[in-house]
N, C-alpha and C. Protein backbone atom coordinates (compact mmCIF):
# COMPACT_ATOMS: atom_id res chain seq x y z
N MET A 1 58.59 67.10 77.12
CA MET A 1 59.98 67.26 77.45
C MET A 1 60.14 66.75 78.78
N ARG A 2 61.44 65.34 79.07
CA ARG A 2 61.50 64.72 80.53
C ARG A 2 61.95 66.26 81.65
N ALA A 3 61.91 66.40 82.57
CA ALA A 3 62.36 67.36 83.03
C ALA A 3 62.47 66.97 84.85
N PHE A 4 63.10 67.78 85.67
CA PHE A 4 63.26 67.99 87.18
C PHE A 4 63.57 69.02 87.35
N ILE A 5 63.29 69.97 88.69
CA ILE A 5 63.72 71.09 89.37
C ILE A 5 64.96 70.55 90.01
N GLY A 6 66.15 70.97 90.28
CA GLY A 6 67.26 70.53 91.03
C GLY A 6 67.90 71.95 91.24
N ILE A 7 69.20 71.36 91.78
CA ILE A 7 70.20 72.56 92.27
C ILE A 7 71.67 71.75 91.39
N ASP A 8 71.94 72.87 90.69
CA ASP A 8 73.26 72.45 89.99
C ASP A 8 74.65 73.55 91.14
N PHE A 9 75.61 72.57 90.29
CA PHE A 9 77.18 73.13 91.50
C PHE A 9 78.35 73.92 90.39
N GLU A 10 78.76 74.32 91.09
CA GLU A 10 79.42 75.13 90.51
C GLU A 10 80.98 74.30 90.22
N THR A 11 81.75 74.46 89.48
CA THR A 11 82.72 73.54 88.68
C THR A 11 83.75 73.04 89.87
N GLU A 12 84.25 73.63 90.68
CA GLU A 12 84.87 73.82 91.71
C GLU A 12 84.16 72.42 92.45
N PHE A 13 82.97 72.56 92.83
CA PHE A 13 82.20 71.39 93.67
C PHE A 13 82.21 70.28 93.28
N LYS A 14 82.24 70.25 91.61
CA LYS A 14 82.45 69.07 90.91
C LYS A 14 83.46 68.38 90.92
N ASN A 15 84.46 69.55 90.72
CA ASN A 15 85.80 68.74 90.24
C ASN A 15 85.97 67.87 91.78
N LYS A 16 85.47 68.22 92.86
CA LYS A 16 85.98 67.71 94.13
C LYS A 16 85.11 66.21 93.94
N MET A 17 83.57 66.00 94.05
CA MET A 17 82.76 65.04 93.61
C MET A 17 83.52 64.23 92.50
N ASP A 18 83.87 64.73 90.89
CA ASP A 18 84.46 63.75 90.41
C ASP A 18 85.80 63.25 90.76
N GLU A 19 86.97 63.71 91.76
CA GLU A 19 87.73 63.46 92.58
C GLU A 19 87.56 61.70 93.04
N LEU A 20 86.40 62.08 94.22
CA LEU A 20 86.17 61.23 94.61
C LEU A 20 85.68 59.73 94.21
N GLN A 21 84.73 60.32 92.77
CA GLN A 21 84.05 59.48 92.09
C GLN A 21 85.55 58.27 91.38
N GLN A 22 86.62 58.92 91.15
CA GLN A 22 87.98 58.55 90.15
C GLN A 22 88.24 57.65 91.70
N ARG A 23 88.43 57.99 92.57
CA ARG A 23 88.89 56.76 93.73
C ARG A 23 88.37 55.59 93.88
N LEU A 24 86.76 55.77 94.11
CA LEU A 24 86.06 54.93 94.30
C LEU A 24 85.67 53.66 93.27
N ARG A 25 85.94 54.43 91.54
CA ARG A 25 86.20 53.45 90.64
C ARG A 25 87.17 52.47 90.77
N LYS A 26 87.77 52.53 91.47
CA LYS A 26 89.26 51.93 91.40
C LYS A 26 89.00 50.45 92.47
N TYR A 27 87.84 50.56 93.14
CA TYR A 27 87.64 49.71 93.80
C TYR A 27 86.46 48.46 93.13
N ALA A 28 85.67 49.14 91.64
CA ALA A 28 84.80 49.01 91.56
C ALA A 28 84.85 47.89 90.51
N ILE A 29 84.23 47.01 90.32
CA ILE A 29 84.06 45.38 89.44
C ILE A 29 83.42 46.12 88.20
N HIS A 30 82.05 46.75 88.85
CA HIS A 30 81.36 47.30 87.41
C HIS A 30 80.33 48.48 87.78
N GLY A 31 79.88 49.39 86.70
CA GLY A 31 79.15 50.18 87.74
C GLY A 31 79.04 51.47 86.11
N ARG A 32 77.79 51.85 86.99
CA ARG A 32 77.50 53.17 86.15
C ARG A 32 77.52 54.53 86.59
N TRP A 33 78.61 55.19 85.95
CA TRP A 33 78.94 56.23 86.83
C TRP A 33 78.28 57.70 86.26
N LYS A 34 78.01 58.39 86.97
CA LYS A 34 77.56 59.90 86.59
C LYS A 34 78.44 60.70 86.01
N HIS A 35 78.01 61.21 84.93
CA HIS A 35 78.83 62.49 84.16
C HIS A 35 79.36 63.48 85.15
N PHE A 36 80.48 64.21 85.03
CA PHE A 36 80.60 65.57 85.63
C PHE A 36 79.35 66.55 85.64
N ASP A 37 78.87 66.75 84.03
CA ASP A 37 78.49 67.46 83.81
C ASP A 37 76.24 67.23 84.48
N ASN A 38 76.87 66.06 85.06
CA ASN A 38 75.18 65.49 85.48
C ASN A 38 75.10 65.44 87.00
N PHE A 39 76.54 66.01 87.90
CA PHE A 39 75.98 66.06 89.15
C PHE A 39 74.91 67.25 89.32
N HIS A 40 74.18 66.64 90.21
CA HIS A 40 73.50 67.65 90.61
C HIS A 40 72.26 67.14 91.83
N LEU A 41 71.52 67.90 92.49
CA LEU A 41 70.28 67.80 93.48
C LEU A 41 68.51 67.34 92.76
N THR A 42 68.75 66.44 93.17
CA THR A 42 66.96 66.80 91.87
C THR A 42 66.29 67.27 93.74
N LEU A 43 65.12 67.94 93.55
CA LEU A 43 64.35 68.67 94.14
C LEU A 43 62.79 68.01 93.83
N LYS A 44 62.69 68.12 92.13
CA LYS A 44 61.25 67.69 91.94
C LYS A 44 61.47 66.98 90.64
N PHE A 45 61.00 65.92 90.42
CA PHE A 45 61.11 64.61 89.28
C PHE A 45 59.82 64.95 88.48
N LEU A 46 59.58 65.42 87.34
CA LEU A 46 58.22 66.08 87.29
C LEU A 46 58.02 65.06 85.90
N GLU A 47 58.24 64.16 85.24
CA GLU A 47 58.30 62.97 84.22
C GLU A 47 58.40 64.19 83.15
N ASP A 48 57.16 63.66 81.70
CA ASP A 48 57.14 64.30 80.87
C ASP A 48 56.24 65.84 81.30
N ILE A 49 56.52 67.15 80.46
CA ILE A 49 56.14 68.05 80.48
C ILE A 49 55.99 68.99 79.24
N ASN A 50 54.85 69.55 79.06
CA ASN A 50 54.70 70.49 77.71
C ASN A 50 55.17 71.71 77.57
N PHE A 51 55.13 72.14 76.57
CA PHE A 51 55.75 73.86 76.72
C PHE A 51 54.49 74.91 77.67
N THR A 52 53.03 74.52 77.80
CA THR A 52 51.88 74.97 78.42
C THR A 52 52.96 75.16 79.82
N GLN A 53 53.03 73.28 80.30
CA GLN A 53 53.23 73.28 81.55
C GLN A 53 54.76 74.14 82.07
N GLN A 54 55.47 74.07 81.01
CA GLN A 54 56.65 74.47 81.30
C GLN A 54 56.49 76.37 81.58
N ARG A 55 55.79 76.99 80.75
CA ARG A 55 55.42 78.41 81.01
C ARG A 55 54.80 78.48 82.60
N GLN A 56 53.94 77.37 82.98
CA GLN A 56 53.48 77.63 84.17
C GLN A 56 54.32 77.48 85.31
N ILE A 57 55.28 76.37 85.07
CA ILE A 57 56.24 75.64 86.03
C ILE A 57 57.11 77.08 86.66
N ASP A 58 57.72 78.16 84.99
CA ASP A 58 58.36 79.14 85.39
C ASP A 58 57.90 79.99 86.06
N SER A 59 56.44 80.39 85.99
CA SER A 59 55.88 81.69 86.24
C SER A 59 56.07 81.21 88.04
N SER A 60 55.46 79.63 88.47
CA SER A 60 55.50 79.49 90.23
C SER A 60 56.63 79.48 90.47
N MET A 61 57.97 79.02 89.79
CA MET A 61 59.31 78.78 90.50
C MET A 61 59.77 80.02 90.62
N GLU A 62 59.49 81.29 89.82
CA GLU A 62 60.28 82.63 90.11
C GLU A 62 59.39 82.90 91.09
N LYS A 63 57.95 83.02 91.53
CA LYS A 63 57.52 83.33 92.72
C LYS A 63 58.06 82.74 93.93
N LEU A 64 58.11 81.28 93.70
CA LEU A 64 58.22 80.76 95.02
C LEU A 64 59.80 81.02 95.48
N CYS A 65 60.95 81.12 94.31
CA CYS A 65 62.00 81.77 94.34
C CYS A 65 62.34 82.78 95.01
N ALA A 66 61.71 84.00 94.55
CA ALA A 66 62.20 85.09 94.80
C ALA A 66 61.83 85.09 96.46
N SER A 67 61.20 84.20 96.82
CA SER A 67 60.76 84.80 98.37
C SER A 67 61.75 83.87 99.30
N VAL A 68 62.81 82.90 98.65
CA VAL A 68 63.67 82.04 99.24
C VAL A 68 65.14 82.61 99.43
N LYS A 69 65.76 82.58 100.90
CA LYS A 69 66.94 82.84 101.05
C LYS A 69 68.07 82.11 100.94
N PRO A 70 69.15 82.68 99.82
CA PRO A 70 70.37 81.64 99.62
C PRO A 70 70.67 80.61 100.98
N PHE A 71 71.01 79.54 100.87
CA PHE A 71 71.76 79.12 101.63
C PHE A 71 72.64 77.78 101.43
N ARG A 72 73.54 77.81 102.34
CA ARG A 72 74.82 76.28 102.05
C ARG A 72 74.47 74.99 102.38
N LEU A 73 75.49 74.43 101.53
CA LEU A 73 75.23 73.19 101.93
C LEU A 73 76.76 72.84 101.86
N THR A 74 77.17 71.33 102.53
CA THR A 74 78.41 70.73 102.27
C THR A 74 77.89 69.12 102.74
N ILE A 75 79.31 68.34 101.34
CA ILE A 75 79.17 67.12 101.39
C ILE A 75 79.84 66.35 102.95
N THR A 76 79.08 65.70 103.46
CA THR A 76 79.66 64.94 104.38
C THR A 76 79.65 63.40 104.44
N GLU A 77 78.85 62.62 104.22
CA GLU A 77 78.92 61.39 103.85
C GLU A 77 78.63 61.06 102.26
N MET A 78 78.72 59.62 102.99
CA MET A 78 78.55 58.74 101.51
C MET A 78 77.53 57.43 101.99
N GLY A 79 76.75 56.99 101.33
CA GLY A 79 75.89 56.09 101.68
C GLY A 79 75.47 55.52 100.11
N ILE A 80 74.34 54.46 100.53
CA ILE A 80 74.10 53.67 99.06
C ILE A 80 72.51 53.12 99.51
N PHE A 81 71.74 53.19 98.48
CA PHE A 81 70.39 52.73 98.48
C PHE A 81 70.58 50.97 97.84
N ASP A 82 70.37 50.06 98.70
CA ASP A 82 70.72 48.58 98.35
C ASP A 82 70.17 48.22 96.77
N GLY A 83 70.55 46.96 96.14
CA GLY A 83 70.09 46.68 95.18
C GLY A 83 69.79 45.12 95.39
N ARG A 84 69.47 43.94 94.32
CA ARG A 84 69.58 42.69 94.88
C ARG A 84 71.05 42.22 94.57
N ASP A 85 71.77 42.52 93.53
CA ASP A 85 73.06 41.81 93.46
C ASP A 85 74.09 43.38 93.38
N SER A 86 73.63 44.09 93.49
CA SER A 86 75.13 45.64 93.30
C SER A 86 73.87 46.83 94.25
N ILE A 87 74.87 47.60 94.11
CA ILE A 87 74.64 49.02 94.94
C ILE A 87 73.80 49.82 94.09
N ARG A 88 72.15 49.43 94.34
CA ARG A 88 71.79 50.62 93.36
C ARG A 88 71.92 51.88 93.25
N VAL A 89 71.98 52.70 93.97
CA VAL A 89 72.57 54.19 93.85
C VAL A 89 74.05 54.26 95.08
N LEU A 90 74.95 54.83 94.62
CA LEU A 90 76.12 55.15 95.27
C LEU A 90 75.66 57.04 95.57
N TRP A 91 75.71 57.38 96.83
CA TRP A 91 75.44 58.78 96.98
C TRP A 91 75.47 59.42 97.79
N LEU A 92 76.22 60.48 98.08
CA LEU A 92 76.58 62.03 98.77
C LEU A 92 75.50 62.38 99.64
N GLY A 93 75.68 62.53 100.73
CA GLY A 93 74.39 63.18 101.45
C GLY A 93 75.46 64.38 102.26
N LEU A 94 74.04 65.21 102.69
CA LEU A 94 74.39 66.26 102.70
C LEU A 94 74.29 67.43 104.25
N ALA A 95 75.08 68.19 104.52
CA ALA A 95 75.07 68.61 105.93
C ALA A 95 74.70 70.51 105.63
N GLY A 96 74.83 71.21 106.51
CA GLY A 96 74.38 72.76 106.37
C GLY A 96 73.29 72.93 106.73
N ASP A 97 73.12 73.90 105.78
CA ASP A 97 71.54 74.42 105.74
C ASP A 97 70.11 73.39 105.38
N THR A 98 70.33 72.28 105.96
CA THR A 98 69.40 70.96 105.43
C THR A 98 67.84 71.63 105.99
N GLN A 99 67.95 72.33 106.79
CA GLN A 99 66.19 72.68 107.08
C GLN A 99 65.32 73.76 106.18
N GLU A 100 66.54 74.55 105.70
CA GLU A 100 66.09 75.53 104.76
C GLU A 100 65.50 74.63 103.27
N LEU A 101 66.42 73.35 103.12
CA LEU A 101 66.61 72.57 102.24
C LEU A 101 65.12 71.91 102.21
N ASP A 102 64.95 71.33 103.19
CA ASP A 102 63.51 70.78 103.64
C ASP A 102 62.47 71.48 103.49
N LEU A 103 62.54 72.67 103.30
CA LEU A 103 61.34 74.00 103.41
C LEU A 103 61.32 74.32 102.13
N LEU A 104 62.53 74.27 101.43
CA LEU A 104 62.04 74.38 100.03
C LEU A 104 61.38 73.59 99.23
N HIS A 105 61.91 72.33 99.49
CA HIS A 105 61.39 70.82 98.96
C HIS A 105 60.22 71.21 99.25
N GLU A 106 59.65 71.40 100.30
CA GLU A 106 57.96 71.45 100.82
C GLU A 106 57.49 72.00 100.13
N GLY A 107 57.80 73.26 99.89
CA GLY A 107 57.47 74.17 98.98
C GLY A 107 57.38 73.98 97.66
N ILE A 108 57.90 73.26 96.79
CA ILE A 108 58.17 73.06 95.88
C ILE A 108 57.00 71.73 95.36
N ASP A 109 57.23 71.09 96.39
CA ASP A 109 56.22 70.14 96.52
C ASP A 109 54.61 70.78 96.46
N ASN A 110 54.03 71.50 97.40
CA ASN A 110 53.08 72.47 97.32
C ASN A 110 53.07 72.87 96.22
N THR A 111 53.86 73.68 95.60
CA THR A 111 53.83 74.52 94.46
C THR A 111 53.16 73.53 93.38
N PHE A 112 54.03 72.50 92.94
CA PHE A 112 54.00 71.52 92.39
C PHE A 112 52.05 70.50 92.25
N ALA A 113 51.85 70.85 93.73
CA ALA A 113 50.56 70.29 93.70
C ALA A 113 49.54 70.99 93.20
N LEU A 114 49.34 72.16 93.11
CA LEU A 114 48.81 73.34 92.86
C LEU A 114 48.79 73.00 91.30
N LEU A 115 49.84 72.73 90.81
CA LEU A 115 49.86 72.71 88.87
C LEU A 115 49.58 71.35 88.62
N GLY A 116 49.18 70.54 89.38
CA GLY A 116 48.59 69.31 89.21
C GLY A 116 49.47 68.39 89.00
N PHE A 117 50.78 67.98 89.35
CA PHE A 117 51.53 67.15 89.83
C PHE A 117 51.27 66.64 91.38
N PRO A 118 51.36 65.23 91.19
CA PRO A 118 51.28 64.66 92.09
C PRO A 118 52.20 64.71 93.57
N PRO A 119 51.92 65.13 94.57
CA PRO A 119 53.17 64.95 95.68
C PRO A 119 53.71 64.25 96.00
N GLU A 120 55.13 64.53 96.27
CA GLU A 120 56.37 62.91 96.68
C GLU A 120 55.25 62.37 97.53
N LYS A 121 55.64 60.68 97.76
CA LYS A 121 55.03 59.98 98.14
C LYS A 121 56.13 59.40 99.53
N ARG A 122 57.29 59.50 98.79
CA ARG A 122 58.62 58.72 99.96
C ARG A 122 58.87 59.98 100.54
N ASN A 123 59.38 59.47 102.03
CA ASN A 123 60.30 61.13 102.34
C ASN A 123 61.47 61.61 101.62
N TYR A 124 61.84 62.84 101.53
CA TYR A 124 62.57 63.29 101.18
C TYR A 124 63.82 63.00 101.28
N LYS A 125 64.76 62.42 100.72
CA LYS A 125 66.24 62.02 101.33
C LYS A 125 67.33 63.03 100.34
N PRO A 126 67.69 64.15 100.68
CA PRO A 126 68.46 64.80 99.81
C PRO A 126 69.94 64.35 99.69
N HIS A 127 70.41 63.86 98.05
CA HIS A 127 71.46 63.22 97.95
C HIS A 127 71.97 63.53 96.41
N ILE A 128 73.33 63.55 96.05
CA ILE A 128 73.91 63.58 95.01
C ILE A 128 74.41 62.08 94.41
N THR A 129 73.57 61.60 93.44
CA THR A 129 73.89 60.28 93.01
C THR A 129 75.30 60.45 91.96
N ILE A 130 76.32 59.63 92.18
CA ILE A 130 77.42 59.54 91.92
C ILE A 130 77.80 58.18 90.95
N GLY A 131 76.95 57.31 90.97
CA GLY A 131 76.99 56.13 90.50
C GLY A 131 75.85 55.28 90.64
N GLN A 132 75.40 54.27 89.91
CA GLN A 132 74.47 53.06 89.99
C GLN A 132 75.11 52.19 89.75
N ASP A 133 73.80 50.71 90.01
CA ASP A 133 74.41 49.26 89.66
C ASP A 133 75.82 49.19 89.98
N ILE A 134 76.32 49.65 90.88
CA ILE A 134 78.06 49.67 91.12
C ILE A 134 78.12 48.02 92.31
N ALA A 135 78.97 47.24 91.80
CA ALA A 135 79.64 46.12 92.62
C ALA A 135 80.82 46.49 92.96
N PHE A 136 81.52 46.56 94.01
CA PHE A 136 82.86 46.74 94.77
C PHE A 136 83.28 45.31 95.10
N GLU A 137 84.36 44.95 94.81
CA GLU A 137 85.74 44.02 95.22
C GLU A 137 85.30 43.50 96.62
N CYS A 138 84.92 44.88 97.38
CA CYS A 138 84.95 44.31 99.35
C CYS A 138 83.43 45.01 99.44
N GLY A 139 83.30 45.19 100.77
CA GLY A 139 81.65 45.08 101.15
C GLY A 139 81.91 47.12 101.55
N PHE A 140 80.53 47.53 101.39
CA PHE A 140 80.71 48.83 101.17
C PHE A 140 80.94 49.90 102.49
N ASP A 141 80.86 49.39 103.76
CA ASP A 141 81.90 49.59 104.88
C ASP A 141 83.43 49.80 104.69
N GLN A 142 83.51 48.62 104.17
CA GLN A 142 85.27 48.79 103.78
C GLN A 142 85.80 50.40 102.84
N ILE A 143 84.81 50.22 101.63
CA ILE A 143 85.23 51.12 100.91
C ILE A 143 85.14 52.37 101.87
N ARG A 144 84.12 52.63 102.54
CA ARG A 144 83.95 53.96 103.20
C ARG A 144 85.38 54.33 104.06
N ASP A 145 85.55 52.97 104.90
CA ASP A 145 86.97 53.45 105.79
C ASP A 145 87.80 53.85 104.49
N ILE A 146 87.96 53.18 103.47
CA ILE A 146 89.03 53.26 102.83
C ILE A 146 89.27 54.59 102.54
N ILE A 147 88.20 55.14 101.88
CA ILE A 147 87.91 56.33 101.41
C ILE A 147 88.03 57.26 102.60
N GLY A 148 87.51 57.07 103.88
CA GLY A 148 87.39 58.28 104.89
C GLY A 148 86.68 59.31 104.84
N GLU A 149 87.21 60.33 105.81
CA GLU A 149 85.91 61.08 106.39
C GLU A 149 85.71 62.20 104.70
N LEU A 150 84.45 62.62 104.46
CA LEU A 150 84.56 63.60 103.63
C LEU A 150 83.67 65.15 104.19
N GLN A 151 84.14 65.76 103.67
CA GLN A 151 83.81 67.17 103.64
C GLN A 151 84.31 68.18 102.58
N PHE A 152 83.34 68.50 101.74
CA PHE A 152 83.62 69.36 100.71
C PHE A 152 82.72 70.24 100.94
N GLY A 153 83.22 71.20 100.75
CA GLY A 153 81.91 72.62 100.59
C GLY A 153 82.52 73.34 101.82
N PRO A 154 81.79 74.33 102.15
CA PRO A 154 80.56 75.10 101.82
C PRO A 154 80.21 75.01 100.64
N ILE A 155 79.29 75.21 99.72
CA ILE A 155 78.84 75.86 98.66
C ILE A 155 77.44 76.63 98.79
N SER A 156 77.14 77.74 98.15
CA SER A 156 76.54 78.22 98.39
C SER A 156 75.15 78.21 97.39
N VAL A 157 73.99 78.39 97.96
CA VAL A 157 72.70 77.71 96.93
C VAL A 157 71.80 79.04 96.96
N ASN A 158 72.00 79.87 95.47
CA ASN A 158 71.38 81.02 94.97
C ASN A 158 70.10 80.48 93.93
N SER A 159 70.57 79.61 93.46
CA SER A 159 69.38 79.44 93.02
C SER A 159 68.75 77.74 92.24
N LEU A 160 67.93 78.24 91.75
CA LEU A 160 67.20 76.25 90.79
C LEU A 160 67.29 76.60 89.28
N PHE A 161 67.01 75.23 88.95
CA PHE A 161 67.25 74.76 87.17
C PHE A 161 66.18 74.13 87.19
N LEU A 162 65.27 74.11 85.98
CA LEU A 162 64.79 73.08 85.26
C LEU A 162 65.39 72.64 84.29
N PHE A 163 65.66 71.30 84.74
CA PHE A 163 66.43 70.75 83.77
C PHE A 163 65.64 70.01 82.93
N ARG A 164 66.31 69.57 81.53
CA ARG A 164 65.49 68.50 80.99
C ARG A 164 66.64 67.32 80.73
N SER A 165 66.15 66.21 80.86
CA SER A 165 66.93 64.98 80.87
C SER A 165 66.57 64.31 79.67
N GLU A 166 67.39 64.04 78.90
CA GLU A 166 67.34 63.33 77.86
C GLU A 166 68.45 62.70 77.59
N GLN A 167 68.16 61.33 76.68
CA GLN A 167 68.97 60.22 76.05
C GLN A 167 69.59 60.71 74.58
N VAL A 168 71.15 60.87 75.00
CA VAL A 168 71.58 61.26 73.17
C VAL A 168 72.85 60.26 73.28
N GLU A 169 72.77 59.48 72.28
CA GLU A 169 74.01 58.25 72.07
C GLU A 169 74.29 57.13 73.28
N ASN A 170 73.36 56.89 73.86
CA ASN A 170 73.62 55.89 75.02
C ASN A 170 73.90 56.64 76.07
N ARG A 171 73.86 58.09 76.49
CA ARG A 171 73.89 58.73 77.32
C ARG A 171 73.50 59.48 77.78
N ARG A 172 72.91 59.69 79.11
CA ARG A 172 71.55 60.17 79.59
C ARG A 172 72.62 61.95 80.48
N ILE A 173 72.07 63.19 79.23
CA ILE A 173 72.56 64.08 79.77
C ILE A 173 70.95 65.05 80.11
N TYR A 174 71.43 65.98 81.14
CA TYR A 174 70.74 67.07 81.44
C TYR A 174 71.13 68.28 81.32
N SER A 175 70.54 69.19 80.63
CA SER A 175 70.48 70.26 80.38
C SER A 175 69.83 71.31 81.20
N LYS A 176 70.04 72.33 81.49
CA LYS A 176 69.36 73.69 81.61
C LYS A 176 67.91 74.24 81.04
N VAL A 177 67.24 74.26 81.53
CA VAL A 177 66.66 75.25 80.37
C VAL A 177 65.82 76.54 81.12
N SER A 178 65.69 76.49 82.42
CA SER A 178 65.15 77.83 83.01
C SER A 178 65.85 78.07 84.50
N ARG A 179 65.93 79.12 84.90
CA ARG A 179 67.17 79.53 86.20
C ARG A 179 65.73 80.09 86.91
N TYR A 180 65.64 79.88 88.26
CA TYR A 180 64.87 80.38 88.80
C TYR A 180 65.79 81.07 90.22
N ASP A 181 65.70 82.70 90.59
CA ASP A 181 67.10 83.01 91.20
C ASP A 181 66.60 83.36 92.57
N PHE A 182 66.98 82.66 93.62
CA PHE A 182 66.55 83.40 94.97
C PHE A 182 66.51 84.34 95.50
N LYS A 183 66.12 85.07 96.43
CA LYS A 183 65.85 86.48 97.04
C LYS A 183 67.49 87.24 96.76
N LYS A 184 67.49 88.12 96.35
CA LYS A 184 68.92 89.02 96.88
C LYS A 184 68.65 89.75 98.41
N SER A 185 70.02 89.35 98.86
CA SER A 185 70.47 89.74 100.11
C SER A 185 69.41 91.15 100.86
N GLY A 186 69.24 92.48 99.85
CA GLY A 186 68.84 93.35 100.19
C GLY A 186 67.64 93.59 99.58
N ASP A 187 66.92 92.78 98.67
CA ASP A 187 65.69 92.73 98.55
C ASP A 187 64.64 92.49 99.66
N VAL A 188 63.51 93.35 99.74
CA VAL A 188 62.65 93.76 100.63
C VAL A 188 61.68 92.73 100.59
N SER A 189 60.82 91.98 101.38
CA SER A 189 59.51 91.49 100.66
C SER A 189 58.78 92.28 101.74
């Protein structure tokens, strides 16, 4: 199973991302746009895992997440990772409790290193991908000016998920396999 660890969002939050995506599409010549159900924040990409690894991951993630306090995130910016002839990735950036998010990412990377998964080599840049391989009819700075200031949220993050990633009828589908809840406010550690 091709899998990753990530944060899913409530429907209301996804609706706002979808509305923004629809506005952006009007200015696009071409591109691949993320489907509403696939909006997420990746914390650790795992490649392919087997059933035994999944059980180890579930056990380790349940322990890790039981010590994590819920936190809040807000979308406040739009950015790109450039490609040769197009925008390789069009993303939404986050604000809010980003220090907690960074610590969580570090904890996940350390946990998975103990399970035999190599740590991420690149610096973690938390983002929500909303499109790929996009060419706009004008420059990205102009698009950003047209769209204006972004402010979605805040959203409470109370859990993580193990997602399966699969190709179904030429479409990438992400489905939740396991849920890992964070520490409840009344829990004593």
